[in-house]
Amino acid sequence: MNDWKLRLVHEGQAGVVMERPGRRIRFDPVEPLANGDIAVLTGIDPFAMDRTVGFPTVVKANGSAEVATEIDGIRFEGLPYRPPEGDSSRTRFVSAVRQPSEAIRRWVAKRRADVSTVWNLTFPNGDRLLHLGLSLHRETDVGWAANLVTRFGNPRWLVVGAPYGDDDVLVARVPAFGAEHVMVTDVEGDLRREAGKPTALVTPLVDRLQTSGVPVMVFVPQSSIRFE
């Protein structure tokens, strides 16, 4: 039996594996899914949906409607959001395919765009994990962000991505969530590098949040965090 309550593993790109008693939960899976896994799509990685084709347990949003479902006693609540301008999953997909052929362009044009989604997970004991994805950026509606805090504030664990160039927004908005543990997660660095776009370290952002009193830590690819 594990002597820890929760373990998060960053498998690269936007992939975050959540291990706890029971089934693993895989946000935007990168490595092959195993029997019993629960896949959750955030819309950050444009290739993640393709990796779940044929898999029986996939939690995702469809269109602009909110999502509410329960699996093994865990409640999943999904709230779609508008991604940073010019950085939707479809844009990232096209950028990642260097000099695509006409056939690939036609396929991309027909491909349904992934829905950018905030996920709030409530476990049977009442603990919650909130995955904000890339929802906090300079174009985020102030009222929408305030409603997000009202609905899902004070989670035990908060996973938040840092949209490129929007550190100031996160410094201003993350403290309001009142999370017990905040993981500033590099969910787009690998994807931006593959697309030939500039990237930035998340460490300076974490330092600024620490200075403001936020219980925060860096969460980068190929690292893991364990909570006793």
C-alpha atoms as a PDB file:
ATOM      1  CA  MET A   1       0.000   0.000   0.000  1.00  0.00           C
ATOM      2  CA  ASN A   2       1.301   3.484  -0.891  1.00  0.00           C
ATOM      3  CA  ASP A   3       2.353   5.716   2.007  1.00  0.00           C
ATOM      4  CA  TRP A   4       1.302   8.857   0.104  1.00  0.00           C
ATOM      5  CA  LYS A   5      -2.081  10.433  -0.611  1.00  0.00           C
ATOM      6  CA  LEU A   6      -1.415  11.798  -4.090  1.00  0.00           C
ATOM      7  CA  ARG A   7       1.425  11.728  -6.596  1.00  0.00           C
ATOM      8  CA  LEU A   8       1.651  13.866  -9.723  1.00  0.00           C
ATOM      9  CA  VAL A   9       3.993  12.955 -12.568  1.00  0.00           C
ATOM     10  CA  HIS A  10       4.721  15.286 -15.495  1.00  0.00           C
ATOM     11  CA  GLU A  11       5.294  13.053 -18.524  1.00  0.00           C
ATOM     12  CA  GLY A  12       6.177  15.865 -20.930  1.00  0.00           C
ATOM     13  CA  GLN A  13       4.157  18.104 -23.270  1.00  0.00           C
ATOM     14  CA  ALA A  14       0.883  18.727 -21.361  1.00  0.00           C
ATOM     15  CA  GLY A  15       0.727  15.249 -19.852  1.00  0.00           C
ATOM     16  CA  VAL A  16       0.104  15.023 -16.097  1.00  0.00           C
ATOM     17  CA  VAL A  17      -0.427  11.645 -14.444  1.00  0.00           C
ATOM     18  CA  MET A  18      -2.280  11.615 -11.149  1.00  0.00           C
ATOM     19  CA  GLU A  19      -1.697   8.553  -8.981  1.00  0.00           C
ATOM     20  CA  ARG A  20      -3.771   7.837  -5.892  1.00  0.00           C
ATOM     21  CA  PRO A  21      -5.528   4.841  -4.347  1.00  0.00           C
ATOM     22  CA  GLY A  22      -7.607   3.487  -7.198  1.00  0.00           C
ATOM     23  CA  ARG A  23      -7.351   4.187 -10.910  1.00  0.00           C
ATOM     24  CA  ARG A  24      -4.788   6.549 -12.397  1.00  0.00           C
ATOM     25  CA  ILE A  25      -6.060   9.783 -13.929  1.00  0.00           C
ATOM     26  CA  ARG A  26      -4.185  10.926 -17.054  1.00  0.00           C
ATOM     27  CA  PHE A  27      -4.524  14.548 -18.152  1.00  0.00           C
ATOM     28  CA  ASP A  28      -3.617  14.878 -21.866  1.00  0.00           C
ATOM     29  CA  PRO A  29      -1.827  11.498 -21.966  1.00  0.00           C
ATOM     30  CA  VAL A  30       1.476  11.263 -23.817  1.00  0.00           C
ATOM     31  CA  GLU A  31       2.564   7.694 -23.106  1.00  0.00           C
ATOM     32  CA  PRO A  32       0.212   4.800 -24.004  1.00  0.00           C
ATOM     33  CA  LEU A  33      -2.804   4.432 -21.768  1.00  0.00           C
ATOM     34  CA  ALA A  34      -3.033   1.357 -19.555  1.00  0.00           C
ATOM     35  CA  ASN A  35      -6.107  -0.681 -18.693  1.00  0.00           C
ATOM     36  CA  GLY A  36      -7.971   1.068 -15.895  1.00  0.00           C
ATOM     37  CA  ASP A  37      -6.631   4.562 -16.645  1.00  0.00           C
ATOM     38  CA  ILE A  38      -9.024   7.507 -16.846  1.00  0.00           C
ATOM     39  CA  ALA A  39      -8.048   9.959 -19.594  1.00  0.00           C
ATOM     40  CA  VAL A  40      -9.007  13.623 -19.205  1.00  0.00           C
ATOM     41  CA  LEU A  41      -8.551  16.082 -22.073  1.00  0.00           C
ATOM     42  CA  THR A  42      -7.819  19.742 -21.281  1.00  0.00           C
ATOM     43  CA  GLY A  43      -7.472  20.924 -24.884  1.00  0.00           C
ATOM     44  CA  ILE A  44      -3.857  22.059 -24.419  1.00  0.00           C
ATOM     45  CA  ASP A  45      -2.158  19.289 -26.403  1.00  0.00           C
ATOM     46  CA  PRO A  46      -3.619  19.063 -29.924  1.00  0.00           C
ATOM     47  CA  PHE A  47      -2.406  15.467 -30.251  1.00  0.00           C
ATOM     48  CA  ALA A  48      -3.786  14.115 -26.951  1.00  0.00           C
ATOM     49  CA  MET A  49      -7.246  13.365 -28.340  1.00  0.00           C
ATOM     50  CA  ASP A  50      -5.746  11.139 -31.036  1.00  0.00           C
ATOM     51  CA  ARG A  51      -3.928   9.112 -28.362  1.00  0.00           C
ATOM     52  CA  THR A  52      -7.254   8.264 -26.696  1.00  0.00           C
ATOM     53  CA  VAL A  53      -9.028   6.946 -29.805  1.00  0.00           C
ATOM     54  CA  GLY A  54     -10.647   3.609 -28.953  1.00  0.00           C
ATOM     55  CA  PHE A  55      -9.969   3.993 -25.213  1.00  0.00           C
ATOM     56  CA  PRO A  56     -13.086   3.299 -23.101  1.00  0.00           C
ATOM     57  CA  THR A  57     -12.776   5.931 -20.355  1.00  0.00           C
ATOM     58  CA  VAL A  58     -12.202   9.441 -21.694  1.00  0.00           C
ATOM     59  CA  VAL A  59     -13.537  12.577 -20.013  1.00  0.00           C
ATOM     60  CA  LYS A  60     -13.745  15.608 -22.299  1.00  0.00           C
ATOM     61  CA  ALA A  61     -15.889  18.586 -23.177  1.00  0.00           C
ATOM     62  CA  ASN A  62     -17.951  18.812 -26.355  1.00  0.00           C
ATOM     63  CA  GLY A  63     -18.635  22.320 -27.555  1.00  0.00           C
ATOM     64  CA  SER A  64     -19.268  25.115 -25.070  1.00  0.00           C
ATOM     65  CA  ALA A  65     -21.408  23.135 -22.632  1.00  0.00           C
ATOM     66  CA  GLU A  66     -20.158  22.435 -19.134  1.00  0.00           C
ATOM     67  CA  VAL A  67     -19.386  18.847 -18.149  1.00  0.00           C
ATOM     68  CA  ALA A  68     -20.411  17.017 -14.972  1.00  0.00           C
ATOM     69  CA  THR A  69     -19.875  13.297 -14.522  1.00  0.00           C
ATOM     70  CA  GLU A  70     -18.814  10.828 -11.841  1.00  0.00           C
ATOM     71  CA  ILE A  71     -16.420   7.883 -12.164  1.00  0.00           C
ATOM     72  CA  ASP A  72     -15.483   5.639  -9.240  1.00  0.00           C
ATOM     73  CA  GLY A  73     -16.800   8.184  -6.756  1.00  0.00           C
ATOM     74  CA  ILE A  74     -14.767  11.055  -8.253  1.00  0.00           C
ATOM     75  CA  ARG A  75     -16.818  13.975  -9.563  1.00  0.00           C
ATOM     76  CA  PHE A  76     -15.448  15.614 -12.717  1.00  0.00           C
ATOM     77  CA  GLU A  77     -16.640  19.143 -13.512  1.00  0.00           C
ATOM     78  CA  GLY A  78     -15.436  20.712 -16.748  1.00  0.00           C
ATOM     79  CA  LEU A  79     -15.762  24.364 -17.671  1.00  0.00           C
ATOM     80  CA  PRO A  80     -14.775  25.323 -21.243  1.00  0.00           C
ATOM     81  CA  TYR A  81     -12.791  28.526 -21.691  1.00  0.00           C
ATOM     82  CA  ARG A  82     -11.380  30.727 -24.410  1.00  0.00           C
ATOM     83  CA  PRO A  83      -7.662  29.954 -24.878  1.00  0.00           C
ATOM     84  CA  PRO A  84      -5.043  32.674 -25.424  1.00  0.00           C
ATOM     85  CA  GLU A  85      -5.590  34.468 -28.739  1.00  0.00           C
ATOM     86  CA  GLY A  86      -3.788  32.775 -31.628  1.00  0.00           C
ATOM     87  CA  ASP A  87      -2.855  29.786 -29.448  1.00  0.00           C
ATOM     88  CA  SER A  88      -5.823  27.449 -29.725  1.00  0.00           C
ATOM     89  CA  SER A  89      -5.262  23.704 -29.978  1.00  0.00           C
ATOM     90  CA  ARG A  90      -5.957  23.881 -33.714  1.00  0.00           C
ATOM     91  CA  THR A  91      -3.335  26.630 -34.177  1.00  0.00           C
ATOM     92  CA  ARG A  92      -0.787  24.620 -32.185  1.00  0.00           C
ATOM     93  CA  PHE A  93      -1.548  21.537 -34.247  1.00  0.00           C
ATOM     94  CA  VAL A  94      -0.975  23.305 -37.573  1.00  0.00           C
ATOM     95  CA  SER A  95       2.191  24.932 -36.238  1.00  0.00           C
ATOM     96  CA  ALA A  96       3.578  21.614 -35.061  1.00  0.00           C
ATOM     97  CA  VAL A  97       3.227  20.062 -38.510  1.00  0.00           C
ATOM     98  CA  ARG A  98       6.138  21.623 -40.387  1.00  0.00           C
ATOM     99  CA  GLN A  99       5.254  22.422 -44.023  1.00  0.00           C
ATOM    100  CA  PRO A 100       2.153  20.184 -44.079  1.00  0.00           C
ATOM    101  CA  SER A 101       1.084  18.630 -47.344  1.00  0.00           C
ATOM    102  CA  GLU A 102      -2.225  19.543 -48.953  1.00  0.00           C
ATOM    103  CA  ALA A 103      -3.701  16.235 -47.752  1.00  0.00           C
ATOM    104  CA  ILE A 104      -2.747  17.065 -44.168  1.00  0.00           C
ATOM    105  CA  ARG A 105      -4.178  20.572 -44.527  1.00  0.00           C
ATOM    106  CA  ARG A 106      -7.513  19.106 -45.668  1.00  0.00           C
ATOM    107  CA  TRP A 107      -7.495  16.642 -42.774  1.00  0.00           C
ATOM    108  CA  VAL A 108      -6.786  19.433 -40.268  1.00  0.00           C
ATOM    109  CA  ALA A 109      -9.595  21.531 -41.753  1.00  0.00           C
ATOM    110  CA  LYS A 110     -12.079  18.696 -41.088  1.00  0.00           C
ATOM    111  CA  ARG A 111     -10.674  17.823 -37.663  1.00  0.00           C
ATOM    112  CA  ARG A 112     -12.844  18.861 -34.727  1.00  0.00           C
ATOM    113  CA  ALA A 113     -10.991  21.339 -32.538  1.00  0.00           C
ATOM    114  CA  ASP A 114     -10.257  20.240 -28.982  1.00  0.00           C
ATOM    115  CA  VAL A 115     -12.134  22.211 -26.325  1.00  0.00           C
ATOM    116  CA  SER A 116      -9.989  24.120 -23.823  1.00  0.00           C
ATOM    117  CA  THR A 117     -11.371  23.071 -20.448  1.00  0.00           C
ATOM    118  CA  VAL A 118     -10.822  23.789 -16.758  1.00  0.00           C
ATOM    119  CA  TRP A 119     -11.310  20.622 -14.687  1.00  0.00           C
ATOM    120  CA  ASN A 120     -12.371  20.445 -11.048  1.00  0.00           C
ATOM    121  CA  LEU A 121     -12.093  16.976  -9.503  1.00  0.00           C
ATOM    122  CA  THR A 122     -13.757  16.199  -6.180  1.00  0.00           C
ATOM    123  CA  PHE A 123     -12.667  12.999  -4.435  1.00  0.00           C
ATOM    124  CA  PRO A 124     -14.859  10.889  -2.139  1.00  0.00           C
ATOM    125  CA  ASN A 125     -13.246  12.387   0.987  1.00  0.00           C
ATOM    126  CA  GLY A 126     -14.000  15.941  -0.191  1.00  0.00           C
ATOM    127  CA  ASP A 127     -10.478  16.852  -1.315  1.00  0.00           C
ATOM    128  CA  ARG A 128     -10.385  18.688  -4.639  1.00  0.00           C
ATOM    129  CA  LEU A 129      -7.871  19.123  -7.447  1.00  0.00           C
ATOM    130  CA  LEU A 130      -8.350  22.037  -9.839  1.00  0.00           C
ATOM    131  CA  HIS A 131      -6.582  21.966 -13.218  1.00  0.00           C
ATOM    132  CA  LEU A 132      -6.769  25.460 -14.713  1.00  0.00           C
ATOM    133  CA  GLY A 133      -4.879  24.625 -17.886  1.00  0.00           C
ATOM    134  CA  LEU A 134      -4.036  27.851 -19.751  1.00  0.00           C
ATOM    135  CA  SER A 135      -7.227  29.639 -18.737  1.00  0.00           C
ATOM    136  CA  LEU A 136      -5.529  32.594 -17.000  1.00  0.00           C
ATOM    137  CA  HIS A 137      -4.162  34.948 -19.634  1.00  0.00           C
ATOM    138  CA  ARG A 138      -4.370  38.612 -20.641  1.00  0.00           C
ATOM    139  CA  GLU A 139      -7.616  38.127 -22.586  1.00  0.00           C
ATOM    140  CA  THR A 140      -9.421  36.256 -19.808  1.00  0.00           C
ATOM    141  CA  ASP A 141     -12.688  37.983 -18.915  1.00  0.00           C
ATOM    142  CA  VAL A 142     -12.484  39.463 -15.411  1.00  0.00           C
ATOM    143  CA  GLY A 143     -16.013  38.356 -14.506  1.00  0.00           C
ATOM    144  CA  TRP A 144     -15.396  34.827 -15.781  1.00  0.00           C
ATOM    145  CA  ALA A 145     -12.230  34.563 -13.676  1.00  0.00           C
ATOM    146  CA  ALA A 146     -14.035  35.826 -10.588  1.00  0.00           C
ATOM    147  CA  ASN A 147     -16.814  33.272 -11.095  1.00  0.00           C
ATOM    148  CA  LEU A 148     -14.174  30.546 -11.381  1.00  0.00           C
ATOM    149  CA  VAL A 149     -12.802  31.514  -7.956  1.00  0.00           C
ATOM    150  CA  THR A 150     -16.308  31.576  -6.481  1.00  0.00           C
ATOM    151  CA  ARG A 151     -17.167  28.125  -7.820  1.00  0.00           C
ATOM    152  CA  PHE A 152     -13.877  26.278  -7.438  1.00  0.00           C
ATOM    153  CA  GLY A 153     -11.784  28.299  -4.984  1.00  0.00           C
ATOM    154  CA  ASN A 154      -9.887  26.781  -2.049  1.00  0.00           C
ATOM    155  CA  PRO A 155      -8.885  23.476  -3.679  1.00  0.00           C
ATOM    156  CA  ARG A 156      -6.336  21.296  -1.983  1.00  0.00           C
ATOM    157  CA  TRP A 157      -4.280  21.037  -5.169  1.00  0.00           C
ATOM    158  CA  LEU A 158      -4.095  23.567  -7.991  1.00  0.00           C
ATOM    159  CA  VAL A 159      -2.413  22.795 -11.312  1.00  0.00           C
ATOM    160  CA  VAL A 160      -1.996  25.888 -13.466  1.00  0.00           C
ATOM    161  CA  GLY A 161      -0.227  26.454 -16.759  1.00  0.00           C
ATOM    162  CA  ALA A 162       1.564  29.677 -17.633  1.00  0.00           C
ATOM    163  CA  PRO A 163       0.655  31.044 -21.068  1.00  0.00           C
ATOM    164  CA  TYR A 164       3.722  32.509 -22.756  1.00  0.00           C
ATOM    165  CA  GLY A 165       4.194  36.175 -21.831  1.00  0.00           C
ATOM    166  CA  ASP A 166       1.351  36.297 -19.288  1.00  0.00           C
ATOM    167  CA  ASP A 167       3.210  35.918 -15.968  1.00  0.00           C
ATOM    168  CA  ASP A 168       1.745  39.181 -14.640  1.00  0.00           C
ATOM    169  CA  VAL A 169      -1.771  37.783 -15.037  1.00  0.00           C
ATOM    170  CA  LEU A 170      -0.972  34.699 -12.972  1.00  0.00           C
ATOM    171  CA  VAL A 171       0.737  36.736 -10.250  1.00  0.00           C
ATOM    172  CA  ALA A 172      -2.458  38.786  -9.973  1.00  0.00           C
ATOM    173  CA  ARG A 173      -5.008  35.958 -10.138  1.00  0.00           C
ATOM    174  CA  VAL A 174      -3.547  32.758  -8.644  1.00  0.00           C
ATOM    175  CA  PRO A 175      -3.507  33.951  -4.989  1.00  0.00           C
ATOM    176  CA  ALA A 176      -7.295  34.455  -5.078  1.00  0.00           C
ATOM    177  CA  PHE A 177      -7.862  30.710  -5.487  1.00  0.00           C
ATOM    178  CA  GLY A 178      -6.574  30.052  -1.957  1.00  0.00           C
ATOM    179  CA  ALA A 179      -5.128  26.641  -2.847  1.00  0.00           C
ATOM    180  CA  GLU A 180      -3.243  24.600  -0.271  1.00  0.00           C
ATOM    181  CA  HIS A 181      -0.694  23.493  -2.890  1.00  0.00           C
ATOM    182  CA  VAL A 182      -0.068  25.302  -6.189  1.00  0.00           C
ATOM    183  CA  MET A 183       1.856  23.653  -9.030  1.00  0.00           C
ATOM    184  CA  VAL A 184       2.917  26.079 -11.758  1.00  0.00           C
ATOM    185  CA  THR A 185       3.122  23.580 -14.576  1.00  0.00           C
ATOM    186  CA  ASP A 186       5.039  23.817 -17.831  1.00  0.00           C
ATOM    187  CA  VAL A 187       2.325  22.434 -20.098  1.00  0.00           C
ATOM    188  CA  GLU A 188       3.213  24.229 -23.316  1.00  0.00           C
ATOM    189  CA  GLY A 189       7.028  24.467 -23.426  1.00  0.00           C
ATOM    190  CA  ASP A 190       7.517  21.174 -25.291  1.00  0.00           C
ATOM    191  CA  LEU A 191       4.663  21.954 -27.687  1.00  0.00           C
ATOM    192  CA  ARG A 192       5.937  25.465 -28.432  1.00  0.00           C
ATOM    193  CA  ARG A 193       9.480  24.196 -29.068  1.00  0.00           C
ATOM    194  CA  GLU A 194       8.157  21.566 -31.477  1.00  0.00           C
ATOM    195  CA  ALA A 195       6.294  24.334 -33.311  1.00  0.00           C
ATOM    196  CA  GLY A 196       9.377  26.569 -33.456  1.00  0.00           C
ATOM    197  CA  LYS A 197       7.893  29.164 -31.086  1.00  0.00           C
ATOM    198  CA  PRO A 198       9.731  30.976 -28.253  1.00  0.00           C
ATOM    199  CA  THR A 199       9.472  29.568 -24.738  1.00  0.00           C
ATOM    200  CA  ALA A 200      10.066  30.816 -21.198  1.00  0.00           C
ATOM    201  CA  LEU A 201      11.026  29.223 -17.892  1.00  0.00           C
ATOM    202  CA  VAL A 202       8.336  29.025 -15.214  1.00  0.00           C
ATOM    203  CA  THR A 203      10.852  29.503 -12.366  1.00  0.00           C
ATOM    204  CA  PRO A 204      10.733  33.336 -12.356  1.00  0.00           C
ATOM    205  CA  LEU A 205       6.933  33.180 -12.091  1.00  0.00           C
ATOM    206  CA  VAL A 206       7.151  30.741  -9.191  1.00  0.00           C
ATOM    207  CA  ASP A 207       9.622  33.042  -7.418  1.00  0.00           C
ATOM    208  CA  ARG A 208       7.199  35.966  -7.763  1.00  0.00           C
ATOM    209  CA  LEU A 209       4.287  33.911  -6.411  1.00  0.00           C
ATOM    210  CA  GLN A 210       6.392  32.710  -3.474  1.00  0.00           C
ATOM    211  CA  THR A 211       7.244  36.318  -2.656  1.00  0.00           C
ATOM    212  CA  SER A 212       3.518  37.086  -2.471  1.00  0.00           C
ATOM    213  CA  GLY A 213       2.988  34.218  -0.019  1.00  0.00           C
ATOM    214  CA  VAL A 214       1.534  31.571  -2.345  1.00  0.00           C
ATOM    215  CA  PRO A 215       2.455  27.941  -1.394  1.00  0.00           C
ATOM    216  CA  VAL A 216       3.821  27.195  -4.846  1.00  0.00           C
ATOM    217  CA  MET A 217       6.238  24.821  -6.538  1.00  0.00           C
ATOM    218  CA  VAL A 218       7.694  24.273 -10.002  1.00  0.00           C
ATOM    219  CA  PHE A 219       6.277  21.351 -12.001  1.00  0.00           C
ATOM    220  CA  VAL A 220       8.207  20.679 -15.192  1.00  0.00           C
ATOM    221  CA  PRO A 221       8.433  17.738 -17.628  1.00  0.00           C
ATOM    222  CA  GLN A 222       9.943  14.505 -16.264  1.00  0.00           C
ATOM    223  CA  SER A 223       9.457  15.558 -12.644  1.00  0.00           C
ATOM    224  CA  SER A 224       7.097  14.278  -9.955  1.00  0.00           C
ATOM    225  CA  ILE A 225       5.563  15.636  -6.746  1.00  0.00           C
ATOM    226  CA  ARG A 226       4.311  13.498  -3.903  1.00  0.00           C
ATOM    227  CA  PHE A 227       1.931  14.533  -1.130  1.00  0.00           C
ATOM    228  CA  GLU A 228       1.969  12.486   2.067  1.00  0.00           C
END
